[in-house]
Amino acid sequence: MASSNQYQLAVRAAGSTDPWQILRRTDGGPGITTNLTNPNEVDSDGQDSSMLLTSITVGGDVSIAFSAETYDLLIRNVMGSEWVVDGTDPTLSTIIIGQDTPKLEFLVTYQDVGAAGKSYVIKDANVSQLQLSLSAGEILTGSFSIVGEDYVADYDPAANSDTFTDETTTKPFNCAQDVNQLTIDGQTLIDVCVNTMDVTINRNYQEDACIGHLVPHQFKGTATVTGNISLALTEDTFSLLGQSINEQEFTVTVDMNDGAAGNSYLFELFRCKLGVEMPSGGRDSVLRPSISYTALKDPSIGSSIRVSRTLAA
């Protein structure tokens, strides 16, 4: 029997002979799903007489605990541009939304199936969506979604002389200790008690099925950056309602580091328009406005979001 602890997921650039980078995850993974259709032909015995393979779905969702370096290749793919190293600080690099999304491939291995394990490959793949979720008293978690256009159903890494890069060892970010600042920057800077927050980068891939093909093509759509914030009701946060009615724009920032390890990430979301739902509640409830936001492209940056990372030298 196969154990989930022996399920291994790895990634590399599509079509390359680079070492597979083993990914850390908490749940989920990309799959190959066969979809059968009954032609519904009349049978004199009153029974089904055939089923036909009409399409194959390639991809899936992966849940993670976010850590430094581990997912930088996936961030690069979903953002659609290169990490640009700062000219004065080689440990600092930034990335913004672009249209360059070179494809990836993902290797799934059931290490305890058979003598050497059994593997399949998701080919010509992209990260369609990346989400990070922060919650008080929790680890910083997230998820990413994979869409692929091809597959190898039975792949032998040893026969292809594949090599592997071990999992990263950086610690997951801790929402209680590693998040330096969450800010909503309107007319004045607001530092508030945030209970939960998430950031979602969605490339809105569209599936396009074609006659003569089992696996649909995938086409990249509009890059949308959205999220939600649940925060304490204070005099400052009460004013967000009026500012939302007036369609005021905000900058939302999330700054985090992993302590002594020396790695940090800064997420800057520009020109955010906020939707505000004012709270109500029953006895002894803590009242928190619910904020939804959409980040718009900042012409001076050329992007609705910028991610900066500083990695330990």
C-alpha atoms as a PDB file:
ATOM      1  CA  MET A   1       0.000   0.000   0.000  1.00  0.00           C
ATOM      2  CA  ALA A   2       1.132   3.520  -0.778  1.00  0.00           C
ATOM      3  CA  SER A   3       1.705   6.071   1.995  1.00  0.00           C
ATOM      4  CA  SER A   4       1.153   9.819   1.582  1.00  0.00           C
ATOM      5  CA  ASN A   5       4.504  10.379   3.301  1.00  0.00           C
ATOM      6  CA  GLN A   6       6.165   8.618   0.373  1.00  0.00           C
ATOM      7  CA  TYR A   7       4.510  10.862  -2.221  1.00  0.00           C
ATOM      8  CA  GLN A   8       7.207  13.105  -3.719  1.00  0.00           C
ATOM      9  CA  LEU A   9       6.655  16.174  -5.900  1.00  0.00           C
ATOM     10  CA  ALA A  10       9.469  17.823  -7.863  1.00  0.00           C
ATOM     11  CA  VAL A  11       9.722  20.568 -10.493  1.00  0.00           C
ATOM     12  CA  ARG A  12      12.079  21.790 -13.208  1.00  0.00           C
ATOM     13  CA  ALA A  13      11.978  23.862 -16.392  1.00  0.00           C
ATOM     14  CA  ALA A  14      10.012  22.101 -19.134  1.00  0.00           C
ATOM     15  CA  GLY A  15      12.099  20.128 -21.608  1.00  0.00           C
ATOM     16  CA  SER A  16      15.316  20.594 -19.644  1.00  0.00           C
ATOM     17  CA  THR A  17      17.754  18.116 -18.149  1.00  0.00           C
ATOM     18  CA  ASP A  18      18.133  20.244 -15.014  1.00  0.00           C
ATOM     19  CA  PRO A  19      18.020  18.472 -11.668  1.00  0.00           C
ATOM     20  CA  TRP A  20      14.507  18.033 -10.312  1.00  0.00           C
ATOM     21  CA  GLN A  21      13.895  20.376  -7.353  1.00  0.00           C
ATOM     22  CA  ILE A  22      12.008  18.417  -4.711  1.00  0.00           C
ATOM     23  CA  LEU A  23       9.181  20.549  -3.339  1.00  0.00           C
ATOM     24  CA  ARG A  24       7.883  20.673   0.207  1.00  0.00           C
ATOM     25  CA  ARG A  25       4.105  20.439   0.563  1.00  0.00           C
ATOM     26  CA  THR A  26       1.430  19.765   3.159  1.00  0.00           C
ATOM     27  CA  ASP A  27      -1.238  18.214   0.939  1.00  0.00           C
ATOM     28  CA  GLY A  28      -2.396  17.729  -2.614  1.00  0.00           C
ATOM     29  CA  GLY A  29      -0.569  17.388  -5.899  1.00  0.00           C
ATOM     30  CA  PRO A  30      -1.057  17.441  -9.656  1.00  0.00           C
ATOM     31  CA  GLY A  31      -2.704  14.433 -11.211  1.00  0.00           C
ATOM     32  CA  ILE A  32      -3.681  12.797 -14.480  1.00  0.00           C
ATOM     33  CA  THR A  33      -7.444  12.266 -14.592  1.00  0.00           C
ATOM     34  CA  THR A  34      -9.109  10.222 -17.325  1.00  0.00           C
ATOM     35  CA  ASN A  35     -12.642  11.262 -18.266  1.00  0.00           C
ATOM     36  CA  LEU A  36     -14.916   8.621 -19.819  1.00  0.00           C
ATOM     37  CA  THR A  37     -18.146   9.201 -21.708  1.00  0.00           C
ATOM     38  CA  ASN A  38     -20.988   6.777 -22.263  1.00  0.00           C
ATOM     39  CA  PRO A  39     -22.241   6.944 -25.880  1.00  0.00           C
ATOM     40  CA  ASN A  40     -25.656   5.855 -24.560  1.00  0.00           C
ATOM     41  CA  GLU A  41     -26.340   3.421 -27.358  1.00  0.00           C
ATOM     42  CA  VAL A  42     -29.488   1.358 -27.039  1.00  0.00           C
ATOM     43  CA  ASP A  43     -28.707  -2.173 -25.852  1.00  0.00           C
ATOM     44  CA  SER A  44     -31.201  -5.011 -26.290  1.00  0.00           C
ATOM     45  CA  ASP A  45     -30.251  -6.371 -22.877  1.00  0.00           C
ATOM     46  CA  GLY A  46     -30.838  -3.018 -21.225  1.00  0.00           C
ATOM     47  CA  GLN A  47     -27.201  -2.626 -20.145  1.00  0.00           C
ATOM     48  CA  ASP A  48     -24.301  -0.301 -20.826  1.00  0.00           C
ATOM     49  CA  SER A  49     -22.204  -1.706 -23.646  1.00  0.00           C
ATOM     50  CA  SER A  50     -19.303   0.763 -23.924  1.00  0.00           C
ATOM     51  CA  MET A  51     -17.415   3.666 -22.359  1.00  0.00           C
ATOM     52  CA  LEU A  52     -14.986   5.855 -24.306  1.00  0.00           C
ATOM     53  CA  LEU A  53     -12.029   7.947 -23.160  1.00  0.00           C
ATOM     54  CA  THR A  54     -12.895  11.454 -24.386  1.00  0.00           C
ATOM     55  CA  SER A  55     -10.565  13.750 -22.425  1.00  0.00           C
ATOM     56  CA  ILE A  56      -7.725  13.815 -19.902  1.00  0.00           C
ATOM     57  CA  THR A  57      -7.336  16.488 -17.234  1.00  0.00           C
ATOM     58  CA  VAL A  58      -3.747  17.292 -16.286  1.00  0.00           C
ATOM     59  CA  GLY A  59      -2.959  19.340 -13.178  1.00  0.00           C
ATOM     60  CA  GLY A  60      -4.197  19.980  -9.657  1.00  0.00           C
ATOM     61  CA  ASP A  61      -3.786  21.939  -6.434  1.00  0.00           C
ATOM     62  CA  VAL A  62      -0.946  21.750  -3.912  1.00  0.00           C
ATOM     63  CA  SER A  63      -1.062  23.036  -0.322  1.00  0.00           C
ATOM     64  CA  ILE A  64       2.113  24.379   1.293  1.00  0.00           C
ATOM     65  CA  ALA A  65       3.646  25.990   4.347  1.00  0.00           C
ATOM     66  CA  PHE A  66       5.484  28.991   2.895  1.00  0.00           C
ATOM     67  CA  SER A  67       9.264  29.134   3.385  1.00  0.00           C
ATOM     68  CA  ALA A  68      12.124  31.109   1.853  1.00  0.00           C
ATOM     69  CA  GLU A  69      13.631  29.936  -1.480  1.00  0.00           C
ATOM     70  CA  THR A  70      11.357  26.879  -1.706  1.00  0.00           C
ATOM     71  CA  TYR A  71       8.782  28.366  -4.082  1.00  0.00           C
ATOM     72  CA  ASP A  72      10.764  31.094  -5.865  1.00  0.00           C
ATOM     73  CA  LEU A  73      10.595  29.247  -9.210  1.00  0.00           C
ATOM     74  CA  LEU A  74       6.818  29.001  -8.876  1.00  0.00           C
ATOM     75  CA  ILE A  75       6.547  32.692  -7.960  1.00  0.00           C
ATOM     76  CA  ARG A  76       8.631  33.474 -11.046  1.00  0.00           C
ATOM     77  CA  ASN A  77       6.255  31.439 -13.217  1.00  0.00           C
ATOM     78  CA  VAL A  78       2.993  32.867 -11.920  1.00  0.00           C
ATOM     79  CA  MET A  79       4.360  36.426 -11.920  1.00  0.00           C
ATOM     80  CA  GLY A  80       5.583  36.077 -15.505  1.00  0.00           C
ATOM     81  CA  SER A  81       8.939  37.863 -15.277  1.00  0.00           C
ATOM     82  CA  GLU A  82      12.456  37.298 -13.952  1.00  0.00           C
ATOM     83  CA  TRP A  83      13.755  38.010 -10.483  1.00  0.00           C
ATOM     84  CA  VAL A  84      15.867  41.169 -10.967  1.00  0.00           C
ATOM     85  CA  VAL A  85      18.909  41.452  -8.716  1.00  0.00           C
ATOM     86  CA  ASP A  86      19.471  44.853  -7.110  1.00  0.00           C
ATOM     87  CA  GLY A  87      22.515  46.617  -8.493  1.00  0.00           C
ATOM     88  CA  THR A  88      23.956  47.472  -5.083  1.00  0.00           C
ATOM     89  CA  ASP A  89      22.798  44.517  -2.980  1.00  0.00           C
ATOM     90  CA  PRO A  90      23.314  41.068  -4.569  1.00  0.00           C
ATOM     91  CA  THR A  91      21.120  39.443  -1.903  1.00  0.00           C
ATOM     92  CA  LEU A  92      18.096  41.571  -2.884  1.00  0.00           C
ATOM     93  CA  SER A  93      15.941  40.885  -5.938  1.00  0.00           C
ATOM     94  CA  THR A  94      12.472  41.951  -7.051  1.00  0.00           C
ATOM     95  CA  ILE A  95       9.826  40.653  -9.432  1.00  0.00           C
ATOM     96  CA  ILE A  96       6.700  42.198 -10.995  1.00  0.00           C
ATOM     97  CA  ILE A  97       3.843  40.976 -13.200  1.00  0.00           C
ATOM     98  CA  GLY A  98       4.858  40.210 -16.783  1.00  0.00           C
ATOM     99  CA  GLN A  99       3.869  38.044 -19.734  1.00  0.00           C
ATOM    100  CA  ASP A 100       6.900  35.705 -19.846  1.00  0.00           C
ATOM    101  CA  THR A 101       5.771  32.384 -18.345  1.00  0.00           C
ATOM    102  CA  PRO A 102       8.188  29.658 -19.495  1.00  0.00           C
ATOM    103  CA  LYS A 103       6.617  26.293 -18.920  1.00  0.00           C
ATOM    104  CA  LEU A 104       7.501  23.874 -16.151  1.00  0.00           C
ATOM    105  CA  GLU A 105       7.184  20.149 -15.662  1.00  0.00           C
ATOM    106  CA  PHE A 106       6.307  18.335 -12.460  1.00  0.00           C
ATOM    107  CA  LEU A 107       7.405  14.854 -11.451  1.00  0.00           C
ATOM    108  CA  VAL A 108       5.177  12.867  -9.110  1.00  0.00           C
ATOM    109  CA  THR A 109       6.703   9.755  -7.529  1.00  0.00           C
ATOM    110  CA  TYR A 110       5.080   7.141  -5.294  1.00  0.00           C
ATOM    111  CA  GLN A 111       8.312   6.039  -3.673  1.00  0.00           C
ATOM    112  CA  ASP A 112       6.869   2.984  -1.910  1.00  0.00           C
ATOM    113  CA  VAL A 113       5.139   1.484  -4.965  1.00  0.00           C
ATOM    114  CA  GLY A 114       7.251  -1.243  -6.523  1.00  0.00           C
ATOM    115  CA  ALA A 115      10.939  -1.849  -5.947  1.00  0.00           C
ATOM    116  CA  ALA A 116      12.061   1.583  -7.238  1.00  0.00           C
ATOM    117  CA  GLY A 117       8.853   3.589  -6.998  1.00  0.00           C
ATOM    118  CA  LYS A 118       6.461   4.604  -9.775  1.00  0.00           C
ATOM    119  CA  SER A 119       6.358   8.046 -11.376  1.00  0.00           C
ATOM    120  CA  TYR A 120       4.463  10.182 -13.851  1.00  0.00           C
ATOM    121  CA  VAL A 121       5.217  13.626 -15.298  1.00  0.00           C
ATOM    122  CA  ILE A 122       2.964  16.641 -15.825  1.00  0.00           C
ATOM    123  CA  LYS A 123       4.415  18.340 -18.911  1.00  0.00           C
ATOM    124  CA  ASP A 124       4.071  21.807 -20.485  1.00  0.00           C
ATOM    125  CA  ALA A 125       2.704  23.131 -17.224  1.00  0.00           C
ATOM    126  CA  ASN A 126       2.202  26.520 -15.632  1.00  0.00           C
ATOM    127  CA  VAL A 127       1.211  27.785 -12.204  1.00  0.00           C
ATOM    128  CA  SER A 128      -2.227  29.242 -12.799  1.00  0.00           C
ATOM    129  CA  GLN A 129      -2.731  30.613  -9.289  1.00  0.00           C
ATOM    130  CA  LEU A 130      -0.702  31.205  -6.118  1.00  0.00           C
ATOM    131  CA  GLN A 131      -2.276  32.073  -2.787  1.00  0.00           C
ATOM    132  CA  LEU A 132      -0.702  32.930   0.564  1.00  0.00           C
ATOM    133  CA  SER A 133      -2.800  32.916   3.745  1.00  0.00           C
ATOM    134  CA  LEU A 134      -1.921  34.529   7.081  1.00  0.00           C
ATOM    135  CA  SER A 135      -3.838  33.757  10.263  1.00  0.00           C
ATOM    136  CA  ALA A 136      -3.184  34.816  13.833  1.00  0.00           C
ATOM    137  CA  GLY A 137      -1.456  32.081  15.816  1.00  0.00           C
ATOM    138  CA  GLU A 138      -0.735  29.954  12.730  1.00  0.00           C
ATOM    139  CA  ILE A 139       1.973  29.100  10.230  1.00  0.00           C
ATOM    140  CA  LEU A 140       1.918  31.088   6.988  1.00  0.00           C
ATOM    141  CA  THR A 141       0.254  28.686   4.585  1.00  0.00           C
ATOM    142  CA  GLY A 142      -0.623  28.765   0.919  1.00  0.00           C
ATOM    143  CA  SER A 143      -1.495  26.857  -2.190  1.00  0.00           C
ATOM    144  CA  PHE A 144      -0.720  26.818  -5.879  1.00  0.00           C
ATOM    145  CA  SER A 145      -2.626  25.422  -8.835  1.00  0.00           C
ATOM    146  CA  ILE A 146      -1.012  23.642 -11.788  1.00  0.00           C
ATOM    147  CA  VAL A 147      -2.406  23.395 -15.306  1.00  0.00           C
ATOM    148  CA  GLY A 148      -0.663  21.125 -17.811  1.00  0.00           C
ATOM    149  CA  GLU A 149      -1.002  20.347 -21.498  1.00  0.00           C
ATOM    150  CA  ASP A 150       0.744  16.981 -21.699  1.00  0.00           C
ATOM    151  CA  TYR A 151       1.896  14.046 -19.572  1.00  0.00           C
ATOM    152  CA  VAL A 152       3.996  10.914 -19.365  1.00  0.00           C
ATOM    153  CA  ALA A 153       1.894   8.314 -17.583  1.00  0.00           C
ATOM    154  CA  ASP A 154       4.772   5.974 -16.662  1.00  0.00           C
ATOM    155  CA  TYR A 155       8.126   7.734 -16.277  1.00  0.00           C
ATOM    156  CA  ASP A 156      11.410   6.243 -15.082  1.00  0.00           C
ATOM    157  CA  PRO A 157      13.787   8.892 -13.663  1.00  0.00           C
ATOM    158  CA  ALA A 158      16.655   6.383 -13.403  1.00  0.00           C
ATOM    159  CA  ALA A 159      16.337   5.346 -17.053  1.00  0.00           C
ATOM    160  CA  ASN A 160      16.528   9.027 -18.018  1.00  0.00           C
ATOM    161  CA  SER A 161      19.589   9.624 -15.761  1.00  0.00           C
ATOM    162  CA  ASP A 162      17.672  12.267 -13.826  1.00  0.00           C
ATOM    163  CA  THR A 163      19.226  13.944 -10.809  1.00  0.00           C
ATOM    164  CA  PHE A 164      17.573  15.642  -7.860  1.00  0.00           C
ATOM    165  CA  THR A 165      18.106  18.678  -5.651  1.00  0.00           C
ATOM    166  CA  ASP A 166      17.115  18.060  -2.043  1.00  0.00           C
ATOM    167  CA  GLU A 167      14.257  19.888  -0.394  1.00  0.00           C
ATOM    168  CA  THR A 168      15.108  23.295   1.024  1.00  0.00           C
ATOM    169  CA  THR A 169      15.638  23.433   4.772  1.00  0.00           C
ATOM    170  CA  THR A 170      14.445  26.978   5.469  1.00  0.00           C
ATOM    171  CA  LYS A 171      11.819  27.128   8.196  1.00  0.00           C
ATOM    172  CA  PRO A 172       8.188  27.966   7.423  1.00  0.00           C
ATOM    173  CA  PHE A 173       7.228  31.542   8.219  1.00  0.00           C
ATOM    174  CA  ASN A 174       5.414  31.993  11.529  1.00  0.00           C
ATOM    175  CA  CYS A 175       2.565  34.502  11.486  1.00  0.00           C
ATOM    176  CA  ALA A 176       3.087  35.264  15.183  1.00  0.00           C
ATOM    177  CA  GLN A 177       6.821  36.023  15.039  1.00  0.00           C
ATOM    178  CA  ASP A 178       8.009  36.440  11.450  1.00  0.00           C
ATOM    179  CA  VAL A 179       5.530  38.944   9.995  1.00  0.00           C
ATOM    180  CA  ASN A 180       7.060  42.365  10.636  1.00  0.00           C
ATOM    181  CA  GLN A 181       4.264  44.526   9.345  1.00  0.00           C
ATOM    182  CA  LEU A 182       0.867  44.484   7.651  1.00  0.00           C
ATOM    183  CA  THR A 183      -0.203  47.911   6.512  1.00  0.00           C
ATOM    184  CA  ILE A 184      -3.032  49.571   4.657  1.00  0.00           C
ATOM    185  CA  ASP A 185      -1.713  52.895   3.441  1.00  0.00           C
ATOM    186  CA  GLY A 186      -4.486  55.377   2.715  1.00  0.00           C
ATOM    187  CA  GLN A 187      -4.361  59.025   3.707  1.00  0.00           C
ATOM    188  CA  THR A 188      -2.390  57.934   6.758  1.00  0.00           C
ATOM    189  CA  LEU A 189      -0.537  54.725   7.588  1.00  0.00           C
ATOM    190  CA  ILE A 190      -2.753  52.316   9.518  1.00  0.00           C
ATOM    191  CA  ASP A 191      -1.174  49.605  11.660  1.00  0.00           C
ATOM    192  CA  VAL A 192      -4.043  47.433  12.833  1.00  0.00           C
ATOM    193  CA  CYS A 193      -4.743  44.152  14.592  1.00  0.00           C
ATOM    194  CA  VAL A 194      -5.240  41.817  11.626  1.00  0.00           C
ATOM    195  CA  ASN A 195      -6.837  38.448  12.336  1.00  0.00           C
ATOM    196  CA  THR A 196      -6.573  36.916   8.864  1.00  0.00           C
ATOM    197  CA  MET A 197      -5.313  38.011   5.473  1.00  0.00           C
ATOM    198  CA  ASP A 198      -4.710  36.385   2.113  1.00  0.00           C
ATOM    199  CA  VAL A 199      -3.115  37.357  -1.192  1.00  0.00           C
ATOM    200  CA  THR A 200      -4.032  35.606  -4.457  1.00  0.00           C
ATOM    201  CA  ILE A 201      -2.211  35.991  -7.773  1.00  0.00           C
ATOM    202  CA  ASN A 202      -4.372  34.454 -10.499  1.00  0.00           C
ATOM    203  CA  ARG A 203      -3.315  34.274 -14.168  1.00  0.00           C
ATOM    204  CA  ASN A 204      -6.818  33.116 -15.164  1.00  0.00           C
ATOM    205  CA  TYR A 205      -5.771  30.334 -17.518  1.00  0.00           C
ATOM    206  CA  GLN A 206      -8.550  29.329 -19.886  1.00  0.00           C
ATOM    207  CA  GLU A 207      -9.027  25.737 -21.014  1.00  0.00           C
ATOM    208  CA  ASP A 208      -9.465  25.284 -24.764  1.00  0.00           C
ATOM    209  CA  ALA A 209     -10.429  21.766 -25.811  1.00  0.00           C
ATOM    210  CA  CYS A 210      -9.679  20.825 -29.423  1.00  0.00           C
ATOM    211  CA  ILE A 211     -10.955  18.026 -31.652  1.00  0.00           C
ATOM    212  CA  GLY A 212      -8.267  15.387 -32.083  1.00  0.00           C
ATOM    213  CA  HIS A 213      -6.653  16.089 -28.703  1.00  0.00           C
ATOM    214  CA  LEU A 214      -7.313  14.394 -25.378  1.00  0.00           C
ATOM    215  CA  VAL A 215      -5.666  17.111 -23.255  1.00  0.00           C
ATOM    216  CA  PRO A 216      -7.012  20.686 -23.601  1.00  0.00           C
ATOM    217  CA  HIS A 217      -4.717  23.591 -24.391  1.00  0.00           C
ATOM    218  CA  GLN A 218      -4.285  26.249 -21.704  1.00  0.00           C
ATOM    219  CA  PHE A 219      -4.204  29.979 -22.467  1.00  0.00           C
ATOM    220  CA  LYS A 220      -3.067  32.639 -20.027  1.00  0.00           C
ATOM    221  CA  GLY A 221      -5.618  35.357 -19.278  1.00  0.00           C
ATOM    222  CA  THR A 222      -5.620  38.574 -17.259  1.00  0.00           C
ATOM    223  CA  ALA A 223      -3.404  38.707 -14.176  1.00  0.00           C
ATOM    224  CA  THR A 224      -5.595  39.547 -11.190  1.00  0.00           C
ATOM    225  CA  VAL A 225      -4.272  40.209  -7.685  1.00  0.00           C
ATOM    226  CA  THR A 226      -6.920  40.056  -4.985  1.00  0.00           C
ATOM    227  CA  GLY A 227      -7.335  39.230  -1.327  1.00  0.00           C
ATOM    228  CA  ASN A 228      -9.252  39.539   1.908  1.00  0.00           C
ATOM    229  CA  ILE A 229      -8.463  41.053   5.302  1.00  0.00           C
ATOM    230  CA  SER A 230     -10.243  40.623   8.620  1.00  0.00           C
ATOM    231  CA  LEU A 231      -9.142  43.281  11.095  1.00  0.00           C
ATOM    232  CA  ALA A 232     -10.103  44.927  14.380  1.00  0.00           C
ATOM    233  CA  LEU A 233     -12.785  47.609  14.386  1.00  0.00           C
ATOM    234  CA  THR A 234     -11.130  50.835  15.538  1.00  0.00           C
ATOM    235  CA  GLU A 235     -11.643  54.508  14.796  1.00  0.00           C
ATOM    236  CA  ASP A 236      -9.102  54.261  11.983  1.00  0.00           C
ATOM    237  CA  THR A 237     -10.540  51.116  10.432  1.00  0.00           C
ATOM    238  CA  PHE A 238     -14.097  52.498  10.705  1.00  0.00           C
ATOM    239  CA  SER A 239     -12.993  55.262   8.334  1.00  0.00           C
ATOM    240  CA  LEU A 240     -12.167  52.647   5.699  1.00  0.00           C
ATOM    241  CA  LEU A 241     -15.897  52.419   4.940  1.00  0.00           C
ATOM    242  CA  GLY A 242     -16.113  56.062   3.908  1.00  0.00           C
ATOM    243  CA  GLN A 243     -12.828  55.833   2.044  1.00  0.00           C
ATOM    244  CA  SER A 244     -14.127  52.797   0.143  1.00  0.00           C
ATOM    245  CA  ILE A 245     -17.332  54.674  -0.745  1.00  0.00           C
ATOM    246  CA  ASN A 246     -15.139  57.484  -2.093  1.00  0.00           C
ATOM    247  CA  GLU A 247     -13.167  54.909  -4.126  1.00  0.00           C
ATOM    248  CA  GLN A 248      -9.910  55.855  -2.458  1.00  0.00           C
ATOM    249  CA  GLU A 249      -6.882  53.795  -3.480  1.00  0.00           C
ATOM    250  CA  PHE A 250      -4.578  52.131  -0.980  1.00  0.00           C
ATOM    251  CA  THR A 251      -1.273  50.324  -0.903  1.00  0.00           C
ATOM    252  CA  VAL A 252      -1.310  47.029   1.006  1.00  0.00           C
ATOM    253  CA  THR A 253       2.028  45.637   2.182  1.00  0.00           C
ATOM    254  CA  VAL A 254       3.130  42.438   3.911  1.00  0.00           C
ATOM    255  CA  ASP A 255       6.690  42.283   5.235  1.00  0.00           C
ATOM    256  CA  MET A 256       8.123  39.069   6.704  1.00  0.00           C
ATOM    257  CA  ASN A 257      11.443  37.455   7.609  1.00  0.00           C
ATOM    258  CA  ASP A 258      12.480  34.112   9.043  1.00  0.00           C
ATOM    259  CA  GLY A 259      14.522  35.468  11.911  1.00  0.00           C
ATOM    260  CA  ALA A 260      18.132  34.462  12.385  1.00  0.00           C
ATOM    261  CA  ALA A 261      18.199  32.673   9.030  1.00  0.00           C
ATOM    262  CA  GLY A 262      18.254  36.092   7.374  1.00  0.00           C
ATOM    263  CA  ASN A 263      15.684  35.621   4.587  1.00  0.00           C
ATOM    264  CA  SER A 264      12.910  38.144   4.025  1.00  0.00           C
ATOM    265  CA  TYR A 265      10.031  38.769   1.602  1.00  0.00           C
ATOM    266  CA  LEU A 266       8.105  41.974   1.010  1.00  0.00           C
ATOM    267  CA  PHE A 267       4.788  41.933  -0.891  1.00  0.00           C
ATOM    268  CA  GLU A 268       3.651  45.364  -2.099  1.00  0.00           C
ATOM    269  CA  LEU A 269       0.190  45.633  -3.677  1.00  0.00           C
ATOM    270  CA  PHE A 270      -0.409  48.936  -5.431  1.00  0.00           C
ATOM    271  CA  ARG A 271      -3.558  50.961  -6.100  1.00  0.00           C
ATOM    272  CA  CYS A 272      -5.843  48.664  -4.106  1.00  0.00           C
ATOM    273  CA  LYS A 273      -9.562  49.347  -4.184  1.00  0.00           C
ATOM    274  CA  LEU A 274     -11.274  48.100  -1.045  1.00  0.00           C
ATOM    275  CA  GLY A 275     -14.691  46.553  -0.550  1.00  0.00           C
ATOM    276  CA  VAL A 276     -15.832  46.883   3.080  1.00  0.00           C
ATOM    277  CA  GLU A 277     -18.451  44.858   4.947  1.00  0.00           C
ATOM    278  CA  MET A 278     -19.205  46.315   8.375  1.00  0.00           C
ATOM    279  CA  PRO A 279     -19.624  43.755  11.175  1.00  0.00           C
ATOM    280  CA  SER A 280     -22.409  42.732  13.476  1.00  0.00           C
ATOM    281  CA  GLY A 281     -22.519  39.926  16.011  1.00  0.00           C
ATOM    282  CA  GLY A 282     -24.105  38.275  18.966  1.00  0.00           C
ATOM    283  CA  ARG A 283     -23.178  38.240  22.614  1.00  0.00           C
ATOM    284  CA  ASP A 284     -19.451  38.593  23.414  1.00  0.00           C
ATOM    285  CA  SER A 285     -18.481  38.719  19.732  1.00  0.00           C
ATOM    286  CA  VAL A 286     -15.348  40.490  18.573  1.00  0.00           C
ATOM    287  CA  LEU A 287     -16.461  42.757  15.748  1.00  0.00           C
ATOM    288  CA  ARG A 288     -14.203  42.808  12.704  1.00  0.00           C
ATOM    289  CA  PRO A 289     -14.861  44.505   9.367  1.00  0.00           C
ATOM    290  CA  SER A 290     -14.306  42.227   6.379  1.00  0.00           C
ATOM    291  CA  ILE A 291     -12.176  43.854   3.698  1.00  0.00           C
ATOM    292  CA  SER A 292     -11.826  42.558   0.156  1.00  0.00           C
ATOM    293  CA  TYR A 293      -9.349  44.197  -2.162  1.00  0.00           C
ATOM    294  CA  THR A 294      -8.250  44.210  -5.789  1.00  0.00           C
ATOM    295  CA  ALA A 295      -4.835  45.558  -6.762  1.00  0.00           C
ATOM    296  CA  LEU A 296      -4.665  47.617  -9.962  1.00  0.00           C
ATOM    297  CA  LYS A 297      -1.651  48.242 -12.184  1.00  0.00           C
ATOM    298  CA  ASP A 298       0.541  51.107 -11.039  1.00  0.00           C
ATOM    299  CA  PRO A 299       1.820  52.862 -14.180  1.00  0.00           C
ATOM    300  CA  SER A 300       5.034  53.914 -12.430  1.00  0.00           C
ATOM    301  CA  ILE A 301       5.833  50.269 -11.563  1.00  0.00           C
ATOM    302  CA  GLY A 302       4.145  48.576 -14.518  1.00  0.00           C
ATOM    303  CA  SER A 303       2.536  46.064 -12.184  1.00  0.00           C
ATOM    304  CA  SER A 304      -0.205  45.666  -9.601  1.00  0.00           C
ATOM    305  CA  ILE A 305       2.169  43.832  -7.249  1.00  0.00           C
ATOM    306  CA  ARG A 306       5.884  43.727  -6.543  1.00  0.00           C
ATOM    307  CA  VAL A 307       7.593  41.000  -4.537  1.00  0.00           C
ATOM    308  CA  SER A 308      11.024  41.681  -3.051  1.00  0.00           C
ATOM    309  CA  ARG A 309      13.156  38.971  -1.512  1.00  0.00           C
ATOM    310  CA  THR A 310      16.385  39.187   0.441  1.00  0.00           C
ATOM    311  CA  LEU A 311      18.158  35.857   0.777  1.00  0.00           C
ATOM    312  CA  ALA A 312      20.883  35.090   3.295  1.00  0.00           C
ATOM    313  CA  ALA A 313      24.320  35.634   1.787  1.00  0.00           C
END
